[in-house]
Amino acid sequence: MLKKSTKGLAYYTLKEYILSMPRKIRQLLSDYQRAGFTLEKGGKGSHRKLSHPKLDKKATLSGKLGHDAKTYQERDLADFLKQLKEQE
């Protein structure tokens, strides 16, 4: 793998390449479920509704399981986990 740098082209190390790969929707779903969220009925197409008994707000996760997660989806997960940690 090549990446641009100010000095020209350089090679990614394997660790940098793996860490730079976006996570998949299935990984985010697994993280939500591990945190205590449950899937609700409903949701259109590839949208999933998740709820947690300690939170009033519900999470919506869109995308097929094999698709790359978007930055805002990662941020939403982090925000929900932060809210749960603050309630404890």
N, C-alpha and C. Protein backbone atom coordinates (compact mmCIF):
# COMPACT_ATOMS: atom_id res chain seq x y z
N MET A 1 0.83 -1.17 0.00
CA MET A 1 0.00 0.00 0.00
C MET A 1 0.88 1.24 0.00
N LEU A 2 0.51 2.22 -0.80
CA LEU A 2 1.26 3.46 -0.88
C LEU A 2 0.44 4.59 -0.30
N LYS A 3 1.13 5.54 0.28
CA LYS A 3 0.47 6.75 0.75
C LYS A 3 1.34 7.94 0.36
N LYS A 4 0.70 9.09 0.18
CA LYS A 4 1.45 10.29 -0.17
C LYS A 4 1.99 10.93 1.10
N SER A 5 3.16 11.44 0.99
CA SER A 5 3.73 12.20 2.09
C SER A 5 4.38 13.44 1.49
N THR A 6 4.88 14.31 2.33
CA THR A 6 5.50 15.53 1.83
C THR A 6 6.79 15.23 1.08
N LYS A 7 7.40 14.11 1.35
CA LYS A 7 8.66 13.74 0.72
C LYS A 7 8.46 12.82 -0.47
N GLY A 8 7.23 12.56 -0.85
CA GLY A 8 6.96 11.65 -1.96
C GLY A 8 6.11 10.49 -1.49
N LEU A 9 6.29 9.34 -2.08
CA LEU A 9 5.50 8.17 -1.71
C LEU A 9 6.20 7.38 -0.62
N ALA A 10 5.42 6.86 0.29
CA ALA A 10 5.95 6.01 1.35
C ALA A 10 5.04 4.80 1.47
N TYR A 11 5.49 3.79 2.14
CA TYR A 11 4.69 2.58 2.31
C TYR A 11 4.03 2.57 3.67
N TYR A 12 2.77 2.10 3.69
CA TYR A 12 2.08 1.87 4.95
C TYR A 12 2.70 0.65 5.61
N THR A 13 2.78 0.68 6.92
CA THR A 13 3.08 -0.56 7.62
C THR A 13 1.77 -1.33 7.71
N LEU A 14 1.84 -2.61 7.96
CA LEU A 14 0.63 -3.43 8.05
C LEU A 14 -0.29 -2.91 9.15
N LYS A 15 0.27 -2.51 10.29
CA LYS A 15 -0.53 -2.00 11.40
C LYS A 15 -1.26 -0.72 10.99
N GLU A 16 -0.57 0.20 10.30
CA GLU A 16 -1.22 1.44 9.85
C GLU A 16 -2.34 1.14 8.88
N TYR A 17 -2.13 0.17 7.99
CA TYR A 17 -3.14 -0.17 7.00
C TYR A 17 -4.39 -0.74 7.67
N ILE A 18 -4.19 -1.64 8.63
CA ILE A 18 -5.33 -2.26 9.32
C ILE A 18 -6.08 -1.21 10.14
N LEU A 19 -5.37 -0.31 10.81
CA LEU A 19 -6.02 0.71 11.63
C LEU A 19 -6.73 1.76 10.78
N SER A 20 -6.30 1.93 9.54
CA SER A 20 -6.93 2.94 8.69
C SER A 20 -8.17 2.42 7.98
N MET A 21 -8.39 1.11 8.03
CA MET A 21 -9.57 0.53 7.36
C MET A 21 -10.81 0.86 8.17
N PRO A 22 -11.89 1.29 7.50
CA PRO A 22 -13.13 1.57 8.25
C PRO A 22 -13.75 0.30 8.80
N ARG A 23 -14.42 0.42 9.94
CA ARG A 23 -15.11 -0.73 10.52
C ARG A 23 -16.37 -1.00 9.72
N LYS A 24 -16.91 -2.18 9.87
CA LYS A 24 -18.12 -2.58 9.17
C LYS A 24 -19.34 -2.35 10.06
N ILE A 25 -20.50 -2.26 9.43
CA ILE A 25 -21.76 -2.06 10.15
C ILE A 25 -21.97 -3.19 11.15
N ARG A 26 -21.61 -4.42 10.76
CA ARG A 26 -21.81 -5.56 11.67
C ARG A 26 -21.00 -5.39 12.95
N GLN A 27 -19.83 -4.74 12.86
CA GLN A 27 -19.02 -4.51 14.05
C GLN A 27 -19.67 -3.48 14.97
N LEU A 28 -20.26 -2.44 14.37
CA LEU A 28 -20.95 -1.44 15.17
C LEU A 28 -22.17 -2.06 15.85
N LEU A 29 -22.92 -2.87 15.11
CA LEU A 29 -24.10 -3.54 15.67
C LEU A 29 -23.70 -4.42 16.85
N SER A 30 -22.60 -5.11 16.71
CA SER A 30 -22.10 -5.97 17.78
C SER A 30 -21.73 -5.13 19.01
N ASP A 31 -21.12 -3.96 18.79
CA ASP A 31 -20.77 -3.08 19.91
C ASP A 31 -22.01 -2.56 20.63
N TYR A 32 -23.03 -2.18 19.84
CA TYR A 32 -24.29 -1.73 20.44
C TYR A 32 -24.89 -2.85 21.30
N GLN A 33 -24.94 -4.06 20.77
CA GLN A 33 -25.55 -5.16 21.50
C GLN A 33 -24.75 -5.52 22.74
N ARG A 34 -23.44 -5.44 22.66
CA ARG A 34 -22.59 -5.72 23.81
C ARG A 34 -22.81 -4.69 24.92
N ALA A 35 -23.20 -3.46 24.52
CA ALA A 35 -23.45 -2.40 25.50
C ALA A 35 -24.84 -2.49 26.10
N GLY A 36 -25.66 -3.43 25.63
CA GLY A 36 -26.99 -3.62 26.22
C GLY A 36 -28.14 -3.14 25.36
N PHE A 37 -27.85 -2.66 24.16
CA PHE A 37 -28.92 -2.24 23.25
C PHE A 37 -29.61 -3.47 22.67
N THR A 38 -30.92 -3.33 22.41
CA THR A 38 -31.67 -4.42 21.79
C THR A 38 -32.29 -3.91 20.49
N LEU A 39 -32.43 -4.82 19.53
CA LEU A 39 -33.06 -4.48 18.26
C LEU A 39 -34.56 -4.42 18.44
N GLU A 40 -35.19 -3.39 17.90
CA GLU A 40 -36.63 -3.25 17.94
C GLU A 40 -37.22 -3.71 16.62
N LYS A 41 -38.51 -4.00 16.65
CA LYS A 41 -39.19 -4.33 15.40
C LYS A 41 -39.28 -3.08 14.55
N GLY A 42 -39.34 -3.28 13.25
CA GLY A 42 -39.50 -2.15 12.35
C GLY A 42 -38.20 -1.76 11.72
N GLY A 43 -38.21 -0.62 11.10
CA GLY A 43 -37.05 -0.17 10.36
C GLY A 43 -37.24 -0.55 8.90
N LYS A 44 -36.99 0.39 8.03
CA LYS A 44 -37.22 0.12 6.61
C LYS A 44 -35.90 -0.22 5.93
N GLY A 45 -35.94 -1.22 5.08
CA GLY A 45 -34.76 -1.57 4.31
C GLY A 45 -33.62 -2.00 5.21
N SER A 46 -32.51 -1.32 5.08
CA SER A 46 -31.32 -1.70 5.85
C SER A 46 -31.17 -0.87 7.13
N HIS A 47 -32.24 -0.22 7.58
CA HIS A 47 -32.19 0.55 8.82
C HIS A 47 -32.60 -0.33 10.00
N ARG A 48 -31.88 -0.18 11.10
CA ARG A 48 -32.16 -0.93 12.32
C ARG A 48 -32.38 0.05 13.46
N LYS A 49 -33.41 -0.18 14.25
CA LYS A 49 -33.67 0.64 15.43
C LYS A 49 -33.17 -0.11 16.65
N LEU A 50 -32.43 0.60 17.49
CA LEU A 50 -31.88 0.01 18.71
C LEU A 50 -32.31 0.86 19.90
N SER A 51 -32.63 0.20 20.99
CA SER A 51 -33.00 0.93 22.21
C SER A 51 -32.25 0.34 23.39
N HIS A 52 -32.10 1.18 24.41
CA HIS A 52 -31.44 0.76 25.65
C HIS A 52 -32.38 1.11 26.80
N PRO A 53 -32.55 0.23 27.77
CA PRO A 53 -33.49 0.50 28.86
C PRO A 53 -33.12 1.72 29.71
N LYS A 54 -31.85 2.12 29.74
CA LYS A 54 -31.44 3.25 30.57
C LYS A 54 -31.46 4.58 29.82
N LEU A 55 -31.65 4.56 28.51
CA LEU A 55 -31.63 5.78 27.71
C LEU A 55 -32.99 6.03 27.07
N ASP A 56 -33.37 7.30 27.01
CA ASP A 56 -34.64 7.67 26.38
C ASP A 56 -34.51 7.71 24.86
N LYS A 57 -33.36 8.12 24.37
CA LYS A 57 -33.14 8.27 22.94
C LYS A 57 -32.85 6.91 22.30
N LYS A 58 -33.37 6.72 21.09
CA LYS A 58 -33.14 5.47 20.37
C LYS A 58 -32.07 5.69 19.30
N ALA A 59 -31.34 4.65 18.99
CA ALA A 59 -30.31 4.72 17.96
C ALA A 59 -30.84 4.09 16.67
N THR A 60 -30.46 4.67 15.55
CA THR A 60 -30.79 4.10 14.25
C THR A 60 -29.48 3.83 13.53
N LEU A 61 -29.32 2.62 13.09
CA LEU A 61 -28.11 2.21 12.38
C LEU A 61 -28.51 1.81 10.97
N SER A 62 -27.97 2.52 9.97
CA SER A 62 -28.35 2.24 8.59
C SER A 62 -27.18 1.62 7.84
N GLY A 63 -27.50 0.82 6.85
CA GLY A 63 -26.49 0.19 6.02
C GLY A 63 -26.54 -1.32 6.14
N LYS A 64 -26.12 -1.97 5.07
CA LYS A 64 -26.06 -3.43 5.10
C LYS A 64 -24.89 -3.86 5.97
N LEU A 65 -24.97 -5.06 6.51
CA LEU A 65 -23.98 -5.52 7.48
C LEU A 65 -22.55 -5.48 6.95
N GLY A 66 -22.35 -5.73 5.68
CA GLY A 66 -21.01 -5.77 5.12
C GLY A 66 -20.47 -4.42 4.65
N HIS A 67 -21.28 -3.36 4.73
CA HIS A 67 -20.84 -2.05 4.28
C HIS A 67 -19.95 -1.38 5.32
N ASP A 68 -19.12 -0.46 4.84
CA ASP A 68 -18.26 0.30 5.74
C ASP A 68 -19.09 1.28 6.56
N ALA A 69 -18.73 1.42 7.81
CA ALA A 69 -19.43 2.37 8.69
C ALA A 69 -18.97 3.78 8.37
N LYS A 70 -19.89 4.71 8.43
CA LYS A 70 -19.59 6.12 8.20
C LYS A 70 -19.07 6.74 9.49
N THR A 71 -18.39 7.85 9.35
CA THR A 71 -17.80 8.52 10.51
C THR A 71 -18.87 8.93 11.52
N TYR A 72 -20.01 9.42 11.03
CA TYR A 72 -21.06 9.85 11.96
C TYR A 72 -21.64 8.66 12.73
N GLN A 73 -21.63 7.46 12.14
CA GLN A 73 -22.13 6.28 12.84
C GLN A 73 -21.19 5.89 13.97
N GLU A 74 -19.89 6.01 13.72
CA GLU A 74 -18.90 5.74 14.77
C GLU A 74 -19.06 6.76 15.90
N ARG A 75 -19.27 8.03 15.52
CA ARG A 75 -19.43 9.09 16.51
C ARG A 75 -20.69 8.89 17.33
N ASP A 76 -21.79 8.50 16.68
CA ASP A 76 -23.04 8.25 17.41
C ASP A 76 -22.87 7.14 18.44
N LEU A 77 -22.19 6.07 18.06
CA LEU A 77 -21.93 4.96 18.99
C LEU A 77 -21.13 5.46 20.18
N ALA A 78 -20.08 6.24 19.91
CA ALA A 78 -19.25 6.76 21.00
C ALA A 78 -20.07 7.66 21.93
N ASP A 79 -20.97 8.47 21.35
CA ASP A 79 -21.81 9.35 22.17
C ASP A 79 -22.75 8.54 23.06
N PHE A 80 -23.38 7.50 22.51
CA PHE A 80 -24.27 6.66 23.31
C PHE A 80 -23.51 5.96 24.43
N LEU A 81 -22.33 5.45 24.13
CA LEU A 81 -21.54 4.77 25.17
C LEU A 81 -21.11 5.75 26.25
N LYS A 82 -20.82 6.98 25.85
CA LYS A 82 -20.45 8.02 26.83
C LYS A 82 -21.63 8.34 27.75
N GLN A 83 -22.84 8.44 27.17
CA GLN A 83 -24.03 8.71 27.97
C GLN A 83 -24.29 7.58 28.97
N LEU A 84 -24.09 6.35 28.54
CA LEU A 84 -24.28 5.21 29.44
C LEU A 84 -23.27 5.25 30.59
N LYS A 85 -22.03 5.58 30.26
CA LYS A 85 -20.99 5.63 31.28
C LYS A 85 -21.28 6.74 32.30
N GLU A 86 -21.81 7.87 31.83
CA GLU A 86 -22.13 8.99 32.73
C GLU A 86 -23.28 8.64 33.67
N GLN A 87 -24.21 7.78 33.24
CA GLN A 87 -25.34 7.41 34.07
C GLN A 87 -24.97 6.44 35.18
N GLU A 88 -23.88 5.77 35.02
CA GLU A 88 -23.47 4.79 36.05
C GLU A 88 -22.87 5.44 37.24
